[in-house]
mmCIF file of all heavy atoms, coordinates in Angstrom:
data_MODEL
# 
_entry.id   MODEL 
# 
loop_
_atom_site.group_PDB 
_atom_site.id 
_atom_site.type_symbol 
_atom_site.label_atom_id 
_atom_site.label_alt_id 
_atom_site.label_comp_id 
_atom_site.label_asym_id 
_atom_site.label_entity_id 
_atom_site.label_seq_id 
_atom_site.pdbx_PDB_ins_code 
_atom_site.Cartn_x 
_atom_site.Cartn_y 
_atom_site.Cartn_z 
_atom_site.occupancy 
_atom_site.B_iso_or_equiv 
_atom_site.pdbx_formal_charge 
_atom_site.auth_seq_id 
_atom_site.auth_comp_id 
_atom_site.auth_asym_id 
_atom_site.auth_atom_id 
_atom_site.pdbx_PDB_model_num 
ATOM 1   N N   . ASP A 1 1  ? -23.355 -68.898 74.670 1.00 0.00 ? 1  ASP A N   1 
ATOM 2   C CA  . ASP A 1 1  ? -24.628 -69.233 73.984 1.00 0.00 ? 1  ASP A CA  1 
ATOM 3   C C   . ASP A 1 1  ? -24.628 -68.824 72.587 1.00 0.00 ? 1  ASP A C   1 
ATOM 4   O O   . ASP A 1 1  ? -25.744 -68.812 71.814 1.00 0.00 ? 1  ASP A O   1 
ATOM 5   C CB  . ASP A 1 1  ? -25.750 -68.529 74.801 1.00 0.00 ? 1  ASP A CB  1 
ATOM 6   C CG  . ASP A 1 1  ? -25.884 -69.077 76.180 1.00 0.00 ? 1  ASP A CG  1 
ATOM 7   O OD1 . ASP A 1 1  ? -25.696 -70.329 76.366 1.00 0.00 ? 1  ASP A OD1 1 
ATOM 8   O OD2 . ASP A 1 1  ? -26.168 -68.273 77.068 1.00 0.00 ? 1  ASP A OD2 1 
ATOM 9   N N   . PHE A 1 2  ? -23.495 -68.431 71.978 1.00 0.00 ? 2  PHE A N   1 
ATOM 10  C CA  . PHE A 1 2  ? -23.336 -68.109 70.561 1.00 0.00 ? 2  PHE A CA  1 
ATOM 11  C C   . PHE A 1 2  ? -24.109 -66.721 70.300 1.00 0.00 ? 2  PHE A C   1 
ATOM 12  O O   . PHE A 1 2  ? -24.684 -66.560 69.248 1.00 0.00 ? 2  PHE A O   1 
ATOM 13  C CB  . PHE A 1 2  ? -23.780 -69.160 69.655 1.00 0.00 ? 2  PHE A CB  1 
ATOM 14  C CG  . PHE A 1 2  ? -22.912 -69.227 68.394 1.00 0.00 ? 2  PHE A CG  1 
ATOM 15  C CD1 . PHE A 1 2  ? -21.563 -68.780 68.395 1.00 0.00 ? 2  PHE A CD1 1 
ATOM 16  C CD2 . PHE A 1 2  ? -23.456 -69.694 67.258 1.00 0.00 ? 2  PHE A CD2 1 
ATOM 17  C CE1 . PHE A 1 2  ? -20.784 -68.898 67.250 1.00 0.00 ? 2  PHE A CE1 1 
ATOM 18  C CE2 . PHE A 1 2  ? -22.678 -69.745 66.032 1.00 0.00 ? 2  PHE A CE2 1 
ATOM 19  C CZ  . PHE A 1 2  ? -21.363 -69.336 66.109 1.00 0.00 ? 2  PHE A CZ  1 
ATOM 20  N N   . LYS A 1 3  ? -24.121 -65.883 71.260 1.00 0.00 ? 3  LYS A N   1 
ATOM 21  C CA  . LYS A 1 3  ? -24.748 -64.555 71.121 1.00 0.00 ? 3  LYS A CA  1 
ATOM 22  C C   . LYS A 1 3  ? -23.592 -63.516 71.052 1.00 0.00 ? 3  LYS A C   1 
ATOM 23  O O   . LYS A 1 3  ? -22.587 -63.655 71.596 1.00 0.00 ? 3  LYS A O   1 
ATOM 24  C CB  . LYS A 1 3  ? -25.585 -64.192 72.337 1.00 0.00 ? 3  LYS A CB  1 
ATOM 25  C CG  . LYS A 1 3  ? -26.882 -65.118 72.373 1.00 0.00 ? 3  LYS A CG  1 
ATOM 26  C CD  . LYS A 1 3  ? -27.827 -64.715 73.482 1.00 0.00 ? 3  LYS A CD  1 
ATOM 27  C CE  . LYS A 1 3  ? -28.998 -65.597 73.480 1.00 0.00 ? 3  LYS A CE  1 
ATOM 28  N NZ  . LYS A 1 3  ? -29.870 -65.352 74.609 1.00 0.00 ? 3  LYS A NZ  1 
ATOM 29  N N   . VAL A 1 4  ? -23.876 -62.471 70.219 1.00 0.00 ? 4  VAL A N   1 
ATOM 30  C CA  . VAL A 1 4  ? -22.788 -61.458 70.033 1.00 0.00 ? 4  VAL A CA  1 
ATOM 31  C C   . VAL A 1 4  ? -22.535 -60.625 71.302 1.00 0.00 ? 4  VAL A C   1 
ATOM 32  O O   . VAL A 1 4  ? -23.419 -60.040 71.901 1.00 0.00 ? 4  VAL A O   1 
ATOM 33  C CB  . VAL A 1 4  ? -23.273 -60.497 68.871 1.00 0.00 ? 4  VAL A CB  1 
ATOM 34  C CG1 . VAL A 1 4  ? -22.237 -59.467 68.642 1.00 0.00 ? 4  VAL A CG1 1 
ATOM 35  C CG2 . VAL A 1 4  ? -23.506 -61.297 67.549 1.00 0.00 ? 4  VAL A CG2 1 
ATOM 36  N N   . ARG A 1 5  ? -21.221 -60.597 71.585 1.00 0.00 ? 5  ARG A N   1 
ATOM 37  C CA  . ARG A 1 5  ? -20.766 -59.780 72.766 1.00 0.00 ? 5  ARG A CA  1 
ATOM 38  C C   . ARG A 1 5  ? -20.177 -58.514 72.272 1.00 0.00 ? 5  ARG A C   1 
ATOM 39  O O   . ARG A 1 5  ? -20.266 -57.435 72.986 1.00 0.00 ? 5  ARG A O   1 
ATOM 40  C CB  . ARG A 1 5  ? -19.751 -60.579 73.573 1.00 0.00 ? 5  ARG A CB  1 
ATOM 41  C CG  . ARG A 1 5  ? -20.347 -61.662 74.401 1.00 0.00 ? 5  ARG A CG  1 
ATOM 42  C CD  . ARG A 1 5  ? -19.326 -62.354 75.210 1.00 0.00 ? 5  ARG A CD  1 
ATOM 43  N NE  . ARG A 1 5  ? -18.545 -61.369 75.934 1.00 0.00 ? 5  ARG A NE  1 
ATOM 44  C CZ  . ARG A 1 5  ? -17.779 -61.674 77.025 1.00 0.00 ? 5  ARG A CZ  1 
ATOM 45  N NH1 . ARG A 1 5  ? -17.565 -62.930 77.272 1.00 0.00 ? 5  ARG A NH1 1 
ATOM 46  N NH2 . ARG A 1 5  ? -17.151 -60.715 77.644 1.00 0.00 ? 5  ARG A NH2 1 
ATOM 47  N N   . SER A 1 6  ? -19.461 -58.496 71.089 1.00 0.00 ? 6  SER A N   1 
ATOM 48  C CA  . SER A 1 6  ? -18.891 -57.289 70.526 1.00 0.00 ? 6  SER A CA  1 
ATOM 49  C C   . SER A 1 6  ? -18.740 -57.495 69.022 1.00 0.00 ? 6  SER A C   1 
ATOM 50  O O   . SER A 1 6  ? -18.714 -58.656 68.549 1.00 0.00 ? 6  SER A O   1 
ATOM 51  C CB  . SER A 1 6  ? -17.546 -56.938 71.218 1.00 0.00 ? 6  SER A CB  1 
ATOM 52  O OG  . SER A 1 6  ? -16.611 -57.921 70.992 1.00 0.00 ? 6  SER A OG  1 
ATOM 53  N N   . TRP A 1 7  ? -18.656 -56.375 68.420 1.00 0.00 ? 7  TRP A N   1 
ATOM 54  C CA  . TRP A 1 7  ? -18.808 -56.394 66.887 1.00 0.00 ? 7  TRP A CA  1 
ATOM 55  C C   . TRP A 1 7  ? -18.096 -55.168 66.441 1.00 0.00 ? 7  TRP A C   1 
ATOM 56  O O   . TRP A 1 7  ? -18.388 -54.046 66.823 1.00 0.00 ? 7  TRP A O   1 
ATOM 57  C CB  . TRP A 1 7  ? -20.318 -56.300 66.720 1.00 0.00 ? 7  TRP A CB  1 
ATOM 58  C CG  . TRP A 1 7  ? -20.911 -56.191 65.383 1.00 0.00 ? 7  TRP A CG  1 
ATOM 59  C CD1 . TRP A 1 7  ? -21.243 -55.067 64.704 1.00 0.00 ? 7  TRP A CD1 1 
ATOM 60  C CD2 . TRP A 1 7  ? -21.529 -57.277 64.633 1.00 0.00 ? 7  TRP A CD2 1 
ATOM 61  N NE1 . TRP A 1 7  ? -21.922 -55.354 63.568 1.00 0.00 ? 7  TRP A NE1 1 
ATOM 62  C CE2 . TRP A 1 7  ? -22.089 -56.727 63.477 1.00 0.00 ? 7  TRP A CE2 1 
ATOM 63  C CE3 . TRP A 1 7  ? -21.573 -58.558 64.828 1.00 0.00 ? 7  TRP A CE3 1 
ATOM 64  C CZ2 . TRP A 1 7  ? -22.749 -57.488 62.584 1.00 0.00 ? 7  TRP A CZ2 1 
ATOM 65  C CZ3 . TRP A 1 7  ? -22.237 -59.326 63.866 1.00 0.00 ? 7  TRP A CZ3 1 
ATOM 66  C CH2 . TRP A 1 7  ? -22.818 -58.792 62.729 1.00 0.00 ? 7  TRP A CH2 1 
ATOM 67  N N   . ASN A 1 8  ? -17.085 -55.305 65.575 1.00 0.00 ? 8  ASN A N   1 
ATOM 68  C CA  . ASN A 1 8  ? -16.378 -54.141 65.101 1.00 0.00 ? 8  ASN A CA  1 
ATOM 69  C C   . ASN A 1 8  ? -16.982 -53.415 63.887 1.00 0.00 ? 8  ASN A C   1 
ATOM 70  O O   . ASN A 1 8  ? -17.843 -54.023 63.281 1.00 0.00 ? 8  ASN A O   1 
ATOM 71  C CB  . ASN A 1 8  ? -14.860 -54.500 64.884 1.00 0.00 ? 8  ASN A CB  1 
ATOM 72  C CG  . ASN A 1 8  ? -14.674 -55.380 63.584 1.00 0.00 ? 8  ASN A CG  1 
ATOM 73  O OD1 . ASN A 1 8  ? -15.559 -55.863 62.989 1.00 0.00 ? 8  ASN A OD1 1 
ATOM 74  N ND2 . ASN A 1 8  ? -13.415 -55.427 63.255 1.00 0.00 ? 8  ASN A ND2 1 
ATOM 75  N N   . PRO A 1 9  ? -16.505 -52.257 63.576 1.00 0.00 ? 9  PRO A N   1 
ATOM 76  C CA  . PRO A 1 9  ? -16.985 -51.537 62.396 1.00 0.00 ? 9  PRO A CA  1 
ATOM 77  C C   . PRO A 1 9  ? -16.994 -52.284 61.091 1.00 0.00 ? 9  PRO A C   1 
ATOM 78  O O   . PRO A 1 9  ? -17.939 -52.187 60.286 1.00 0.00 ? 9  PRO A O   1 
ATOM 79  C CB  . PRO A 1 9  ? -16.137 -50.265 62.273 1.00 0.00 ? 9  PRO A CB  1 
ATOM 80  C CG  . PRO A 1 9  ? -15.729 -50.087 63.730 1.00 0.00 ? 9  PRO A CG  1 
ATOM 81  C CD  . PRO A 1 9  ? -15.475 -51.490 64.272 1.00 0.00 ? 9  PRO A CD  1 
ATOM 82  N N   . ALA A 1 10 ? -15.969 -53.110 60.854 1.00 0.00 ? 10 ALA A N   1 
ATOM 83  C CA  . ALA A 1 10 ? -15.961 -53.898 59.638 1.00 0.00 ? 10 ALA A CA  1 
ATOM 84  C C   . ALA A 1 10 ? -17.112 -54.949 59.615 1.00 0.00 ? 10 ALA A C   1 
ATOM 85  O O   . ALA A 1 10 ? -17.695 -55.231 58.587 1.00 0.00 ? 10 ALA A O   1 
ATOM 86  C CB  . ALA A 1 10 ? -14.593 -54.572 59.475 1.00 0.00 ? 10 ALA A CB  1 
ATOM 87  N N   . ALA A 1 11 ? -17.382 -55.559 60.783 1.00 0.00 ? 11 ALA A N   1 
ATOM 88  C CA  . ALA A 1 11 ? -18.573 -56.411 60.810 1.00 0.00 ? 11 ALA A CA  1 
ATOM 89  C C   . ALA A 1 11 ? -19.827 -55.748 60.466 1.00 0.00 ? 11 ALA A C   1 
ATOM 90  O O   . ALA A 1 11 ? -20.721 -56.261 59.910 1.00 0.00 ? 11 ALA A O   1 
ATOM 91  C CB  . ALA A 1 11 ? -18.623 -57.097 62.130 1.00 0.00 ? 11 ALA A CB  1 
ATOM 92  N N   . GLU A 1 12 ? -19.930 -54.478 60.979 1.00 0.00 ? 12 GLU A N   1 
ATOM 93  C CA  . GLU A 1 12 ? -21.110 -53.685 60.656 1.00 0.00 ? 12 GLU A CA  1 
ATOM 94  C C   . GLU A 1 12 ? -21.283 -53.539 59.084 1.00 0.00 ? 12 GLU A C   1 
ATOM 95  O O   . GLU A 1 12 ? -22.367 -53.717 58.567 1.00 0.00 ? 12 GLU A O   1 
ATOM 96  C CB  . GLU A 1 12 ? -21.032 -52.252 61.282 1.00 0.00 ? 12 GLU A CB  1 
ATOM 97  C CG  . GLU A 1 12 ? -21.244 -52.256 62.737 1.00 0.00 ? 12 GLU A CG  1 
ATOM 98  C CD  . GLU A 1 12 ? -21.256 -50.826 63.322 1.00 0.00 ? 12 GLU A CD  1 
ATOM 99  O OE1 . GLU A 1 12 ? -21.155 -49.881 62.647 1.00 0.00 ? 12 GLU A OE1 1 
ATOM 100 O OE2 . GLU A 1 12 ? -21.290 -50.784 64.614 1.00 0.00 ? 12 GLU A OE2 1 
ATOM 101 N N   . LYS A 1 13 ? -20.172 -53.219 58.476 1.00 0.00 ? 13 LYS A N   1 
ATOM 102 C CA  . LYS A 1 13 ? -20.229 -53.066 56.995 1.00 0.00 ? 13 LYS A CA  1 
ATOM 103 C C   . LYS A 1 13 ? -20.556 -54.386 56.309 1.00 0.00 ? 13 LYS A C   1 
ATOM 104 O O   . LYS A 1 13 ? -21.269 -54.458 55.304 1.00 0.00 ? 13 LYS A O   1 
ATOM 105 C CB  . LYS A 1 13 ? -19.002 -52.540 56.469 1.00 0.00 ? 13 LYS A CB  1 
ATOM 106 C CG  . LYS A 1 13 ? -18.638 -51.136 56.858 1.00 0.00 ? 13 LYS A CG  1 
ATOM 107 C CD  . LYS A 1 13 ? -17.296 -50.620 56.350 1.00 0.00 ? 13 LYS A CD  1 
ATOM 108 C CE  . LYS A 1 13 ? -17.016 -49.226 56.841 1.00 0.00 ? 13 LYS A CE  1 
ATOM 109 N NZ  . LYS A 1 13 ? -15.644 -48.814 56.516 1.00 0.00 ? 13 LYS A NZ  1 
ATOM 110 N N   . THR A 1 14 ? -19.950 -55.529 56.808 1.00 0.00 ? 14 THR A N   1 
ATOM 111 C CA  . THR A 1 14 ? -20.170 -56.802 56.160 1.00 0.00 ? 14 THR A CA  1 
ATOM 112 C C   . THR A 1 14 ? -21.612 -57.312 56.313 1.00 0.00 ? 14 THR A C   1 
ATOM 113 O O   . THR A 1 14 ? -22.188 -57.780 55.409 1.00 0.00 ? 14 THR A O   1 
ATOM 114 C CB  . THR A 1 14 ? -19.171 -57.842 56.833 1.00 0.00 ? 14 THR A CB  1 
ATOM 115 O OG1 . THR A 1 14 ? -17.872 -57.375 56.653 1.00 0.00 ? 14 THR A OG1 1 
ATOM 116 C CG2 . THR A 1 14 ? -19.363 -59.155 56.212 1.00 0.00 ? 14 THR A CG2 1 
ATOM 117 N N   . PHE A 1 15 ? -22.187 -57.169 57.541 1.00 0.00 ? 15 PHE A N   1 
ATOM 118 C CA  . PHE A 1 15 ? -23.467 -57.722 57.816 1.00 0.00 ? 15 PHE A CA  1 
ATOM 119 C C   . PHE A 1 15 ? -24.585 -56.790 57.877 1.00 0.00 ? 15 PHE A C   1 
ATOM 120 O O   . PHE A 1 15 ? -25.742 -57.227 57.837 1.00 0.00 ? 15 PHE A O   1 
ATOM 121 C CB  . PHE A 1 15 ? -23.365 -58.471 59.168 1.00 0.00 ? 15 PHE A CB  1 
ATOM 122 C CG  . PHE A 1 15 ? -22.435 -59.664 59.153 1.00 0.00 ? 15 PHE A CG  1 
ATOM 123 C CD1 . PHE A 1 15 ? -21.184 -59.587 59.702 1.00 0.00 ? 15 PHE A CD1 1 
ATOM 124 C CD2 . PHE A 1 15 ? -22.837 -60.832 58.487 1.00 0.00 ? 15 PHE A CD2 1 
ATOM 125 C CE1 . PHE A 1 15 ? -20.319 -60.646 59.762 1.00 0.00 ? 15 PHE A CE1 1 
ATOM 126 C CE2 . PHE A 1 15 ? -21.944 -61.899 58.519 1.00 0.00 ? 15 PHE A CE2 1 
ATOM 127 C CZ  . PHE A 1 15 ? -20.678 -61.845 59.109 1.00 0.00 ? 15 PHE A CZ  1 
ATOM 128 N N   . GLY A 1 16 ? -24.335 -55.468 57.822 1.00 0.00 ? 16 GLY A N   1 
ATOM 129 C CA  . GLY A 1 16 ? -25.336 -54.527 57.743 1.00 0.00 ? 16 GLY A CA  1 
ATOM 130 C C   . GLY A 1 16 ? -26.076 -54.165 59.038 1.00 0.00 ? 16 GLY A C   1 
ATOM 131 O O   . GLY A 1 16 ? -27.111 -53.463 59.003 1.00 0.00 ? 16 GLY A O   1 
ATOM 132 N N   . TYR A 1 17 ? -25.533 -54.620 60.089 1.00 0.00 ? 17 TYR A N   1 
ATOM 133 C CA  . TYR A 1 17 ? -26.172 -54.288 61.485 1.00 0.00 ? 17 TYR A CA  1 
ATOM 134 C C   . TYR A 1 17 ? -25.195 -53.404 62.223 1.00 0.00 ? 17 TYR A C   1 
ATOM 135 O O   . TYR A 1 17 ? -24.013 -53.625 62.267 1.00 0.00 ? 17 TYR A O   1 
ATOM 136 C CB  . TYR A 1 17 ? -26.479 -55.587 62.277 1.00 0.00 ? 17 TYR A CB  1 
ATOM 137 C CG  . TYR A 1 17 ? -27.505 -56.482 61.817 1.00 0.00 ? 17 TYR A CG  1 
ATOM 138 C CD1 . TYR A 1 17 ? -27.126 -57.579 61.000 1.00 0.00 ? 17 TYR A CD1 1 
ATOM 139 C CD2 . TYR A 1 17 ? -28.849 -56.311 62.043 1.00 0.00 ? 17 TYR A CD2 1 
ATOM 140 C CE1 . TYR A 1 17 ? -28.103 -58.500 60.571 1.00 0.00 ? 17 TYR A CE1 1 
ATOM 141 C CE2 . TYR A 1 17 ? -29.785 -57.148 61.585 1.00 0.00 ? 17 TYR A CE2 1 
ATOM 142 C CZ  . TYR A 1 17 ? -29.449 -58.264 60.816 1.00 0.00 ? 17 TYR A CZ  1 
ATOM 143 O OH  . TYR A 1 17 ? -30.419 -59.149 60.372 1.00 0.00 ? 17 TYR A OH  1 
ATOM 144 N N   . THR A 1 18 ? -25.685 -52.446 62.899 1.00 0.00 ? 18 THR A N   1 
ATOM 145 C CA  . THR A 1 18 ? -24.892 -51.702 63.858 1.00 0.00 ? 18 THR A CA  1 
ATOM 146 C C   . THR A 1 18 ? -24.651 -52.512 65.099 1.00 0.00 ? 18 THR A C   1 
ATOM 147 O O   . THR A 1 18 ? -25.343 -53.534 65.321 1.00 0.00 ? 18 THR A O   1 
ATOM 148 C CB  . THR A 1 18 ? -25.558 -50.398 64.333 1.00 0.00 ? 18 THR A CB  1 
ATOM 149 O OG1 . THR A 1 18 ? -26.708 -50.706 65.050 1.00 0.00 ? 18 THR A OG1 1 
ATOM 150 C CG2 . THR A 1 18 ? -25.961 -49.492 63.122 1.00 0.00 ? 18 THR A CG2 1 
ATOM 151 N N   . GLU A 1 19 ? -23.628 -52.143 65.811 1.00 0.00 ? 19 GLU A N   1 
ATOM 152 C CA  . GLU A 1 19 ? -23.329 -53.000 67.041 1.00 0.00 ? 19 GLU A CA  1 
ATOM 153 C C   . GLU A 1 19 ? -24.519 -52.927 67.975 1.00 0.00 ? 19 GLU A C   1 
ATOM 154 O O   . GLU A 1 19 ? -24.902 -53.943 68.571 1.00 0.00 ? 19 GLU A O   1 
ATOM 155 C CB  . GLU A 1 19 ? -22.062 -52.386 67.766 1.00 0.00 ? 19 GLU A CB  1 
ATOM 156 C CG  . GLU A 1 19 ? -21.674 -53.239 68.930 1.00 0.00 ? 19 GLU A CG  1 
ATOM 157 C CD  . GLU A 1 19 ? -20.389 -52.722 69.592 1.00 0.00 ? 19 GLU A CD  1 
ATOM 158 O OE1 . GLU A 1 19 ? -20.118 -51.521 69.522 1.00 0.00 ? 19 GLU A OE1 1 
ATOM 159 O OE2 . GLU A 1 19 ? -19.641 -53.552 70.118 1.00 0.00 ? 19 GLU A OE2 1 
ATOM 160 N N   . GLU A 1 20 ? -25.149 -51.843 68.096 1.00 0.00 ? 20 GLU A N   1 
ATOM 161 C CA  . GLU A 1 20 ? -26.363 -51.661 69.004 1.00 0.00 ? 20 GLU A CA  1 
ATOM 162 C C   . GLU A 1 20 ? -27.508 -52.627 68.596 1.00 0.00 ? 20 GLU A C   1 
ATOM 163 O O   . GLU A 1 20 ? -28.177 -53.190 69.407 1.00 0.00 ? 20 GLU A O   1 
ATOM 164 C CB  . GLU A 1 20 ? -26.869 -50.235 69.026 1.00 0.00 ? 20 GLU A CB  1 
ATOM 165 C CG  . GLU A 1 20 ? -25.932 -49.201 69.667 1.00 0.00 ? 20 GLU A CG  1 
ATOM 166 C CD  . GLU A 1 20 ? -24.781 -48.807 68.730 1.00 0.00 ? 20 GLU A CD  1 
ATOM 167 O OE1 . GLU A 1 20 ? -24.893 -48.874 67.478 1.00 0.00 ? 20 GLU A OE1 1 
ATOM 168 O OE2 . GLU A 1 20 ? -23.734 -48.407 69.279 1.00 0.00 ? 20 GLU A OE2 1 
ATOM 169 N N   . GLU A 1 21 ? -27.700 -52.804 67.287 1.00 0.00 ? 21 GLU A N   1 
ATOM 170 C CA  . GLU A 1 21 ? -28.677 -53.637 66.841 1.00 0.00 ? 21 GLU A CA  1 
ATOM 171 C C   . GLU A 1 21 ? -28.424 -55.132 67.080 1.00 0.00 ? 21 GLU A C   1 
ATOM 172 O O   . GLU A 1 21 ? -29.310 -55.940 67.254 1.00 0.00 ? 21 GLU A O   1 
ATOM 173 C CB  . GLU A 1 21 ? -28.929 -53.517 65.289 1.00 0.00 ? 21 GLU A CB  1 
ATOM 174 C CG  . GLU A 1 21 ? -29.492 -52.099 64.913 1.00 0.00 ? 21 GLU A CG  1 
ATOM 175 C CD  . GLU A 1 21 ? -29.520 -51.907 63.436 1.00 0.00 ? 21 GLU A CD  1 
ATOM 176 O OE1 . GLU A 1 21 ? -28.529 -52.177 62.728 1.00 0.00 ? 21 GLU A OE1 1 
ATOM 177 O OE2 . GLU A 1 21 ? -30.501 -51.366 62.905 1.00 0.00 ? 21 GLU A OE2 1 
ATOM 178 N N   . ILE A 1 22 ? -27.085 -55.519 67.065 1.00 0.00 ? 22 ILE A N   1 
ATOM 179 C CA  . ILE A 1 22 ? -26.774 -56.964 67.000 1.00 0.00 ? 22 ILE A CA  1 
ATOM 180 C C   . ILE A 1 22 ? -26.351 -57.486 68.392 1.00 0.00 ? 22 ILE A C   1 
ATOM 181 O O   . ILE A 1 22 ? -26.473 -58.673 68.636 1.00 0.00 ? 22 ILE A O   1 
ATOM 182 C CB  . ILE A 1 22 ? -25.670 -57.283 65.993 1.00 0.00 ? 22 ILE A CB  1 
ATOM 183 C CG1 . ILE A 1 22 ? -25.653 -58.691 65.584 1.00 0.00 ? 22 ILE A CG1 1 
ATOM 184 C CG2 . ILE A 1 22 ? -24.267 -56.755 66.500 1.00 0.00 ? 22 ILE A CG2 1 
ATOM 185 C CD1 . ILE A 1 22 ? -26.794 -59.231 64.747 1.00 0.00 ? 22 ILE A CD1 1 
ATOM 186 N N   . LEU A 1 23 ? -25.890 -56.693 69.292 1.00 0.00 ? 23 LEU A N   1 
ATOM 187 C CA  . LEU A 1 23 ? -25.484 -57.125 70.583 1.00 0.00 ? 23 LEU A CA  1 
ATOM 188 C C   . LEU A 1 23 ? -26.519 -57.913 71.335 1.00 0.00 ? 23 LEU A C   1 
ATOM 189 O O   . LEU A 1 23 ? -27.729 -57.586 71.326 1.00 0.00 ? 23 LEU A O   1 
ATOM 190 C CB  . LEU A 1 23 ? -25.044 -55.932 71.466 1.00 0.00 ? 23 LEU A CB  1 
ATOM 191 C CG  . LEU A 1 23 ? -23.718 -55.246 71.173 1.00 0.00 ? 23 LEU A CG  1 
ATOM 192 C CD1 . LEU A 1 23 ? -23.424 -54.131 72.181 1.00 0.00 ? 23 LEU A CD1 1 
ATOM 193 C CD2 . LEU A 1 23 ? -22.619 -56.165 71.136 1.00 0.00 ? 23 LEU A CD2 1 
ATOM 194 N N   . GLY A 1 24 ? -26.092 -59.116 71.831 1.00 0.00 ? 24 GLY A N   1 
ATOM 195 C CA  . GLY A 1 24 ? -27.139 -59.966 72.494 1.00 0.00 ? 24 GLY A CA  1 
ATOM 196 C C   . GLY A 1 24 ? -27.915 -60.872 71.602 1.00 0.00 ? 24 GLY A C   1 
ATOM 197 O O   . GLY A 1 24 ? -28.610 -61.772 72.022 1.00 0.00 ? 24 GLY A O   1 
ATOM 198 N N   . LYS A 1 25 ? -27.759 -60.693 70.281 1.00 0.00 ? 25 LYS A N   1 
ATOM 199 C CA  . LYS A 1 25 ? -28.503 -61.506 69.373 1.00 0.00 ? 25 LYS A CA  1 
ATOM 200 C C   . LYS A 1 25 ? -27.714 -62.777 69.020 1.00 0.00 ? 25 LYS A C   1 
ATOM 201 O O   . LYS A 1 25 ? -26.468 -62.854 69.050 1.00 0.00 ? 25 LYS A O   1 
ATOM 202 C CB  . LYS A 1 25 ? -28.753 -60.794 67.994 1.00 0.00 ? 25 LYS A CB  1 
ATOM 203 C CG  . LYS A 1 25 ? -29.477 -59.462 68.067 1.00 0.00 ? 25 LYS A CG  1 
ATOM 204 C CD  . LYS A 1 25 ? -31.000 -59.757 68.116 1.00 0.00 ? 25 LYS A CD  1 
ATOM 205 C CE  . LYS A 1 25 ? -31.819 -58.486 67.884 1.00 0.00 ? 25 LYS A CE  1 
ATOM 206 N NZ  . LYS A 1 25 ? -31.740 -57.391 68.655 1.00 0.00 ? 25 LYS A NZ  1 
ATOM 207 N N   . HIS A 1 26 ? -28.523 -63.864 68.795 1.00 0.00 ? 26 HIS A N   1 
ATOM 208 C CA  . HIS A 1 26 ? -27.813 -65.193 68.467 1.00 0.00 ? 26 HIS A CA  1 
ATOM 209 C C   . HIS A 1 26 ? -27.225 -65.152 67.031 1.00 0.00 ? 26 HIS A C   1 
ATOM 210 O O   . HIS A 1 26 ? -27.720 -64.363 66.127 1.00 0.00 ? 26 HIS A O   1 
ATOM 211 C CB  . HIS A 1 26 ? -28.940 -66.224 68.511 1.00 0.00 ? 26 HIS A CB  1 
ATOM 212 C CG  . HIS A 1 26 ? -28.392 -67.598 68.462 1.00 0.00 ? 26 HIS A CG  1 
ATOM 213 N ND1 . HIS A 1 26 ? -28.256 -68.294 67.246 1.00 0.00 ? 26 HIS A ND1 1 
ATOM 214 C CD2 . HIS A 1 26 ? -27.878 -68.484 69.371 1.00 0.00 ? 26 HIS A CD2 1 
ATOM 215 C CE1 . HIS A 1 26 ? -27.672 -69.466 67.523 1.00 0.00 ? 26 HIS A CE1 1 
ATOM 216 N NE2 . HIS A 1 26 ? -27.489 -69.606 68.774 1.00 0.00 ? 26 HIS A NE2 1 
ATOM 217 N N   . ALA A 1 27 ? -26.275 -65.927 66.863 1.00 0.00 ? 27 ALA A N   1 
ATOM 218 C CA  . ALA A 1 27 ? -25.593 -66.024 65.534 1.00 0.00 ? 27 ALA A CA  1 
ATOM 219 C C   . ALA A 1 27 ? -26.472 -66.275 64.392 1.00 0.00 ? 27 ALA A C   1 
ATOM 220 O O   . ALA A 1 27 ? -26.242 -65.868 63.211 1.00 0.00 ? 27 ALA A O   1 
ATOM 221 C CB  . ALA A 1 27 ? -24.454 -67.077 65.628 1.00 0.00 ? 27 ALA A CB  1 
# 
């Protein structure tokens, strides 16, 4: 469904969201 399942530390730095904030969110 294009929702985030996992997110690495570099993605946190790039997009500014922690993994906890973005998990389950749509792209």
